[in-house]
Protein backbone atom coordinates (compact mmCIF):
# COMPACT_ATOMS: atom_id res chain seq x y z
CA MET A 1 147.57 102.15 43.34
CA ASN A 2 146.56 104.71 40.75
CA LEU A 3 145.19 107.94 42.31
CA PRO A 4 141.38 107.81 42.16
CA ASP A 5 139.33 109.73 39.52
CA ASP A 6 136.00 109.47 37.86
CA LYS A 7 137.08 106.95 35.65
CA ALA A 8 138.59 104.82 39.00
CA VAL A 9 135.11 105.45 40.24
CA ALA A 10 133.25 104.14 37.70
CA SER A 11 135.39 100.95 37.35
CA ALA A 12 135.19 100.49 41.02
CA VAL A 13 131.46 100.80 41.09
CA ALA A 14 131.01 98.38 38.00
CA ALA A 15 133.44 96.03 39.90
CA PHE A 16 131.24 95.99 43.07
CA ASP A 17 128.19 95.34 40.88
CA ALA A 18 129.52 92.45 38.96
CA GLU A 19 131.07 90.96 42.53
CA LEU A 20 127.55 91.35 44.08
CA ALA A 21 125.77 89.90 41.00
CA GLN A 22 127.75 86.73 41.67
CA ALA A 23 127.04 86.21 45.49
CA LYS A 24 125.15 82.95 46.16
CA SER A 25 124.03 83.72 49.40
CA ALA A 26 123.42 86.84 51.93
CA ARG A 27 126.95 85.86 53.48
CA ASP A 28 128.43 86.00 50.35
CA ALA A 29 126.76 89.57 49.63
CA LEU A 30 128.01 90.95 53.01
CA THR A 31 131.62 89.82 52.23
CA VAL A 32 131.34 91.85 48.87
CA ARG A 33 129.88 94.63 50.95
CA ASP A 34 132.53 94.47 53.59
CA LYS A 35 135.36 94.45 50.77
CA TYR A 36 134.18 97.87 49.57
CA LEU A 37 132.70 99.60 52.50
CA GLY A 38 134.42 98.13 55.54
CA ARG A 39 136.03 100.56 58.03
CA LYS A 40 139.26 98.69 57.66
CA ASN A 41 141.11 97.53 54.23
CA SER A 42 138.20 98.20 52.12
CA VAL A 43 138.55 100.07 48.79
CA VAL A 44 136.86 103.10 50.37
CA ALA A 45 138.62 103.17 53.47
CA SER A 46 142.12 102.72 51.25
CA TRP A 47 140.98 105.90 49.21
CA MET A 48 140.33 107.60 52.22
CA GLN A 49 143.68 107.03 53.46
CA LEU A 50 145.18 108.52 50.17
CA VAL A 51 143.79 111.85 51.23
CA ALA A 52 146.34 112.18 53.68
CA SER A 53 149.33 111.37 51.79
CA ALA A 54 148.49 113.27 48.50
CA PRO A 55 149.73 116.35 47.74
CA PRO A 56 147.84 119.61 48.82
CA ASP A 57 146.54 119.88 45.23
CA GLN A 58 145.41 116.61 44.77
CA LYS A 59 143.52 116.14 48.26
CA LYS A 60 140.42 117.72 47.07
CA THR A 61 140.22 115.43 44.01
CA ILE A 62 140.72 112.21 45.69
CA GLY A 63 138.47 113.13 48.52
CA ARG A 64 135.79 113.91 45.95
CA SER A 65 136.39 110.56 44.05
CA ALA A 66 136.37 108.67 47.56
CA ASN A 67 132.74 110.23 48.74
CA GLU A 68 131.48 109.50 45.17
CA LEU A 69 132.32 105.98 45.34
CA LYS A 70 130.98 105.56 48.97
CA GLN A 71 127.60 107.31 47.91
CA ALA A 72 127.47 104.90 45.27
CA VAL A 73 128.29 101.76 46.52
CA GLU A 74 125.91 102.54 49.31
CA ALA A 75 123.14 103.26 47.22
CA ARG A 76 123.58 100.02 45.24
CA TRP A 77 123.92 98.17 48.53
CA ALA A 78 120.54 99.38 49.83
CA ALA A 79 118.98 98.59 46.51
CA TYR A 80 120.07 95.06 46.72
CA GLN A 81 118.71 94.64 50.60
CA THR A 82 115.38 95.99 49.41
CA ALA A 83 115.24 93.53 46.13
CA ALA A 84 116.43 90.65 48.24
CA ALA A 85 113.76 91.06 51.03
CA SER A 86 111.05 91.42 48.47
CA ALA A 87 112.21 88.42 46.67
CA ALA A 88 112.34 86.42 50.18
CA ARG A 89 108.80 87.44 51.30
CA PRO A 90 105.78 86.60 49.44
CA ALA A 91 103.17 89.53 48.19
CA GLY A 92 101.09 90.23 50.75
CA ALA A 93 102.98 88.44 53.43
CA ILE A 94 103.36 90.09 56.95
CA ASP A 95 106.84 90.62 58.22
CA VAL A 96 106.83 89.33 61.69
CA THR A 97 110.08 90.74 62.59
CA LEU A 98 108.52 94.45 62.40
CA PRO A 99 107.25 96.08 65.86
CA GLY A 100 103.60 95.41 66.43
CA ARG A 101 101.11 98.38 66.46
CA ALA A 102 99.26 99.44 69.17
CA PRO A 103 95.52 99.25 68.29
CA ILE A 104 93.80 102.59 68.92
CA LEU A 105 91.25 101.75 71.75
CA GLY A 106 87.97 103.77 71.99
CA HIS A 107 86.35 104.29 75.47
CA ARG A 108 82.88 104.67 76.92
CA HIS A 109 80.66 107.75 76.60
CA PRO A 110 80.55 110.28 79.41
CA LEU A 111 76.84 109.45 80.03
CA THR A 112 77.19 105.92 79.76
CA VAL A 113 79.90 105.92 82.74
CA VAL A 114 77.60 108.28 84.65
CA ARG A 115 74.75 105.59 84.19
CA ASP A 116 76.96 102.56 84.85
CA ARG A 117 77.93 103.96 88.13
CA MET A 118 74.60 104.86 89.31
CA GLU A 119 73.15 101.61 88.46
CA GLU A 120 76.04 99.75 90.21
CA ILE A 121 75.42 102.03 93.47
CA PHE A 122 71.90 101.09 93.55
CA THR A 123 72.50 97.45 92.58
CA ARG A 124 74.74 96.94 95.62
CA MET A 125 71.68 98.46 97.80
CA GLY A 126 69.56 95.71 96.49
CA PHE A 127 67.63 97.58 93.84
CA ALA A 128 66.89 95.70 90.71
CA ILE A 129 67.67 97.17 87.03
CA VAL A 130 64.29 97.63 84.79
CA GLU A 131 63.96 99.12 81.63
CA GLY A 132 60.33 99.46 79.86
CA PRO A 133 59.20 100.85 76.28
CA GLU A 134 59.95 104.44 75.28
CA VAL A 135 56.50 104.34 73.10
CA GLU A 136 53.96 104.60 75.79
CA ASP A 137 50.16 105.18 76.27
CA GLU A 138 48.65 108.02 78.14
CA TRP A 139 47.32 105.69 80.83
CA HIS A 140 50.55 104.51 82.01
CA CYS A 141 52.41 107.89 81.31
CA PHE A 142 49.93 110.49 83.13
CA ASP A 143 46.74 108.74 84.27
CA ALA A 144 47.99 106.09 86.37
CA LEU A 145 50.60 108.77 87.85
CA ASN A 146 47.73 110.70 89.23
CA MET A 147 47.94 113.48 86.23
CA PRO A 148 44.55 114.35 85.19
CA ALA A 149 43.76 115.55 81.24
CA GLU A 150 43.99 119.20 82.34
CA HIS A 151 47.53 118.73 83.91
CA PRO A 152 50.22 121.15 82.06
CA ALA A 153 52.39 118.18 81.28
CA ARG A 154 50.05 116.74 78.85
CA ASP A 155 50.17 119.80 77.09
CA MET A 156 51.54 119.38 73.33
CA GLN A 157 54.20 121.63 74.14
CA ASP A 158 55.73 119.05 76.55
CA THR A 159 54.79 115.76 75.06
CA LEU A 160 55.49 114.21 71.87
CA TYR A 161 52.48 112.58 70.60
CA LEU A 162 52.40 110.01 67.81
CA ALA A 163 49.77 109.78 65.22
CA THR A 164 48.77 106.00 65.42
CA PRO A 165 46.61 105.21 68.23
CA ILE A 166 46.65 101.90 70.38
CA ARG A 167 43.93 99.33 70.47
CA GLY A 168 41.88 98.57 73.14
CA GLU A 169 40.95 95.27 74.51
CA SER A 170 37.90 95.25 71.57
CA GLY A 171 40.48 95.23 68.94
CA ARG A 172 39.06 98.61 67.51
CA ALA A 173 41.39 101.79 67.85
CA ASP A 174 40.51 103.74 71.12
CA ASP A 175 40.96 107.15 72.28
CA VAL A 176 44.34 106.22 73.95
CA ARG A 177 47.02 108.02 72.09
CA THR A 178 50.35 107.06 72.05
CA LEU A 179 53.37 109.10 72.71
CA LEU A 180 57.00 109.16 73.56
CA ARG A 181 57.26 108.80 77.11
CA THR A 182 57.89 111.86 79.28
CA HIS A 183 59.57 109.94 81.98
CA THR A 184 60.64 106.65 83.11
CA SER A 185 57.98 106.57 85.78
CA SER A 186 55.67 105.07 83.25
CA MET A 187 57.71 101.81 83.54
CA GLN A 188 57.04 101.99 87.65
CA THR A 189 53.27 101.85 86.80
CA ARG A 190 53.74 98.82 84.31
CA TYR A 191 56.15 96.88 86.99
CA MET A 192 53.42 97.33 89.56
CA GLN A 193 50.98 96.17 87.46
CA ALA A 194 52.72 92.94 87.22
CA HIS A 195 54.34 92.60 90.42
CA PRO A 196 52.76 92.42 94.16
CA PRO A 197 54.83 94.35 96.97
CA PRO A 198 57.47 94.58 97.88
CA VAL A 199 59.06 96.36 95.08
CA ARG A 200 62.73 97.93 94.92
CA ILE A 201 63.54 98.72 91.27
CA VAL A 202 65.35 101.39 89.24
CA VAL A 203 64.64 102.33 85.75
CA PRO A 204 67.12 104.07 83.54
CA GLY A 205 66.22 104.89 80.07
CA ARG A 206 65.86 107.61 77.55
CA VAL A 207 62.97 110.17 77.56
CA TYR A 208 61.35 112.60 75.47
CA ARG A 209 59.92 116.28 75.62
CA ARG A 210 59.14 119.07 73.13
CA ASP A 211 61.90 121.37 74.38
CA ASP A 212 64.10 123.61 72.17
CA LEU A 213 67.74 122.42 71.96
CA ASP A 214 70.00 124.98 73.96
CA LEU A 215 72.64 124.99 76.23
CA THR A 216 70.56 123.24 79.16
CA HIS A 217 67.89 121.60 77.42
CA THR A 218 67.43 118.90 74.77
CA PRO A 219 64.48 117.23 73.65
CA ALA A 220 65.85 113.82 74.30
CA PHE A 221 67.51 112.84 77.36
CA SER A 222 68.11 110.21 79.86
CA GLN A 223 66.97 109.57 83.38
CA VAL A 224 67.12 107.35 86.05
CA GLU A 225 63.90 106.67 88.57
CA GLY A 226 63.78 104.69 91.35
CA LEU A 227 60.71 103.08 93.26
CA VAL A 228 60.37 101.38 96.84
CA VAL A 229 57.08 100.13 98.01
CA GLY A 230 56.37 98.07 100.62
CA GLU A 231 55.20 97.95 104.34
CA GLY A 232 56.34 100.49 106.73
CA ILE A 233 58.28 102.67 104.09
CA SER A 234 58.97 106.13 105.56
CA LEU A 235 60.40 109.28 104.57
CA ALA A 236 63.53 108.47 106.62
CA ASP A 237 64.03 105.43 104.31
CA LEU A 238 63.98 107.79 101.24
CA LYS A 239 66.10 110.27 102.74
CA GLY A 240 68.68 107.59 104.02
CA THR A 241 68.49 106.01 100.46
CA LEU A 242 69.42 109.51 98.70
CA VAL A 243 72.18 110.39 101.14
CA ALA A 244 73.76 107.02 100.85
CA PHE A 245 73.71 107.06 96.83
CA ALA A 246 74.90 110.83 96.95
CA ARG A 247 78.16 109.74 99.21
CA GLU A 248 78.71 107.05 96.75
CA MET A 249 78.06 109.18 93.68
CA PHE A 250 80.07 112.26 94.99
CA GLY A 251 81.97 111.71 97.76
CA GLU A 252 81.52 110.99 101.90
CA ARG A 253 81.36 114.96 102.20
CA SER A 254 78.32 115.29 100.24
CA ARG A 255 75.26 116.58 101.99
CA LEU A 256 71.61 117.01 100.80
CA ARG A 257 68.80 119.76 101.23
CA PHE A 258 65.45 118.78 100.96
CA ARG A 259 63.21 121.46 99.82
CA PRO A 260 59.21 121.35 99.53
CA SER A 261 57.91 120.90 95.88
CA PHE A 262 54.87 119.11 94.21
CA PHE A 263 54.68 116.21 92.07
CA PRO A 264 51.60 114.87 91.21
CA TYR A 265 52.56 111.18 91.81
CA THR A 266 54.18 111.94 95.26
CA GLU A 267 52.97 113.39 98.59
CA PRO A 268 54.78 115.10 100.25
CA SER A 269 57.03 115.80 97.39
CA ALA A 270 60.80 117.40 97.62
CA GLU A 271 63.45 118.66 95.26
CA VAL A 272 66.76 117.93 96.50
CA ASP A 273 69.98 119.86 96.41
CA ILE A 274 73.56 118.49 96.80
CA SER A 275 76.13 120.36 98.65
CA CYS A 276 78.83 121.93 95.89
CA TRP A 277 81.57 119.19 95.70
CA GLN A 278 83.97 121.88 94.19
CA CYS A 279 83.58 124.10 97.10
CA HIS A 280 82.00 121.70 99.82
CA GLY A 281 79.36 124.26 100.41
CA ALA A 282 81.49 127.33 101.00
CA GLY A 283 80.34 129.14 97.67
CA CYS A 284 82.15 129.11 94.39
CA ALA A 285 81.33 129.85 90.51
CA MET A 286 80.06 126.45 89.93
CA CYS A 287 77.24 126.62 92.85
CA LYS A 288 76.61 130.34 91.95
CA LYS A 289 77.93 131.13 95.67
CA SER A 290 75.24 129.33 97.15
CA GLY A 291 76.97 126.32 97.88
CA TRP A 292 74.45 123.96 96.88
CA LEU A 293 73.45 122.26 93.44
CA GLU A 294 70.06 121.30 92.49
CA ILE A 295 70.34 117.13 91.84
CA LEU A 296 66.73 115.37 91.84
CA GLY A 297 63.09 115.23 92.60
CA CYS A 298 61.44 112.97 94.90
CA GLY A 299 58.83 111.96 97.34
CA MET A 300 56.64 109.37 98.73
CA VAL A 301 54.31 107.61 96.46
CA HIS A 302 50.83 109.12 96.08
CA PRO A 303 48.03 106.62 97.34
CA ALA A 304 46.12 107.34 93.96
CA VAL A 305 49.25 105.69 92.13
CA PHE A 306 48.68 102.72 94.35
CA GLU A 307 45.14 102.39 93.54
CA ALA A 308 45.62 102.63 89.93
CA VAL A 309 47.94 99.75 89.95
CA GLY A 310 45.65 97.77 92.38
CA TYR A 311 47.85 98.16 95.49
CA ASP A 312 46.31 98.49 98.74
CA ALA A 313 47.11 102.11 100.08
CA GLU A 314 46.32 101.54 103.30
CA LYS A 315 48.60 98.59 103.55
CA TYR A 316 51.56 100.08 101.50
CA THR A 317 53.52 102.93 101.30
CA GLY A 318 56.54 103.94 99.19
CA PHE A 319 58.69 106.58 97.83
CA ALA A 320 60.13 107.48 94.53
CA TRP A 321 62.71 109.79 92.58
CA GLY A 322 64.07 110.83 89.57
CA ILE A 323 67.61 112.18 88.25
CA GLY A 324 68.81 113.26 84.94
CA ILE A 325 71.97 111.63 84.03
CA GLU A 326 73.00 114.46 81.70
CA ARG A 327 72.29 116.62 84.98
CA VAL A 328 74.67 114.50 87.02
CA ALA A 329 77.28 114.86 84.38
CA ILE A 330 77.28 118.19 83.58
CA LEU A 331 77.88 118.72 87.34
CA ARG A 332 80.25 116.15 87.87
CA TYR A 333 82.57 117.30 84.70
CA GLN A 334 81.81 120.75 84.84
CA VAL A 335 80.30 120.76 81.27
CA GLU A 336 78.92 124.27 80.18
CA ASP A 337 76.79 123.16 77.04
CA ILE A 338 74.40 119.69 77.12
CA ARG A 339 74.65 119.57 73.38
CA SER A 340 78.48 118.59 73.87
CA PHE A 341 77.48 115.06 74.72
CA TYR A 342 75.46 114.39 71.52
CA GLU A 343 77.64 116.23 68.83
CA ASN A 344 80.49 113.09 68.66
CA ASP A 345 82.99 115.57 68.93
CA LEU A 346 86.21 113.53 69.54
CA ARG A 347 87.89 116.48 71.00
CA PHE A 348 85.48 116.72 73.96
CA LEU A 349 85.02 113.03 74.05
CA GLU A 350 88.39 112.15 74.32
CA GLN A 351 88.69 114.22 77.49
CA PHE A 352 87.06 111.29 79.24
CA PRO A 353 89.43 108.55 79.15
CA TYR A 354 87.15 105.86 80.83
C-alpha cells in the first residue's frame, strides 16, 4: 500500500462517496460505512496501523492523513443519514421513535386552594354552598342586615355605588341604589327570603370596598360567610362549629379565643383569634409575640334581621360568621403582601404546587 497523503485522502473519500451512492438499501450503506470506518480491517483502521510501522519522520504525515480521512468519511456518513431520514419521513410527520415531551402542567391558585379546602370542610359538616349576585341593592346589603342609613359602612368611602338604580315593582326607577356588595352577607338575606328554616349555608364569593391597595388591603377580595338558623340554636353551637372548622383547617392543636365585638347584624358579636400554628401560642414573630392571630368575626343573628326576612324571631335563633379567604392564605402561607396573590407573578405562584 502506498503511504497515505493528501492525494490518497481525496481518492479514498471519492471512492466512499461512489460506493455509498450505489447502495440499494440501508444494509448496503452500513456495509460501505463499516468498510471505511470499522474498527478492524477498515480503510481508516489500516491507515492507523501504518503509523506504528512507519519511519519516525513519516508518522506525523500518515497520522494526519488518517485523521483527515476519518473526519471526512464521518461527515459524509452523517449527511447521508440525515438525507435518508428526511426522504423516508413525509413533511410534517411525527417521529414516533423520539422520547415524549412531558407537558408543563399548571396548578390551582393558592386562594382557590384555600377556598376549596374551606368548602370541603363545611360541606362535610352538612352545609350547602350557595352563591349570589355581586351587584346588589341597598336593602339586601344593608337595610335587611340592620344597618340604618347613617351607619358608617354605607358611606361612599367604603361602598362602591353604581350609577344605574334598580326598578321597583311599579316599573319606574326608585331611590334604591345599586352597588358592588361589600360582604356576602347580602346572600344570606336573599336565601332566607326564599327558604324557610332550618338553614345551614356557607356563601363564598368576591366582595368590593373603597380601600386603597397596600400590603394588607385590596378593593376586591374574597369572603366565606356562614349562616345557621333553626330552633334552639345557641352560642355553644357557634363555638363548636368554629372550633371544629379551625382544627380541620389548621390542625388539631388549634385553639380559638372569642373577644366581644360589635356587628349590626349579630348580637352578641365576637371577634375570633386562633392560636398561632407556628409557635402554638408560645409567641413568635408571626403572631407578634402574642400567641394569637385574628381570623374572623361572628355572632348570633340579630332579631331585626329575622324580622326583615319574615322569620319568627321568637321561634328561631341562629348564628353567622364571616372569614376572609386572603386573610387565611396570608397567615397560612406567611405571605407578607396581599398584592402578591393578584400580580400573576409565576415566581410567586409556582411556590404553591397544588
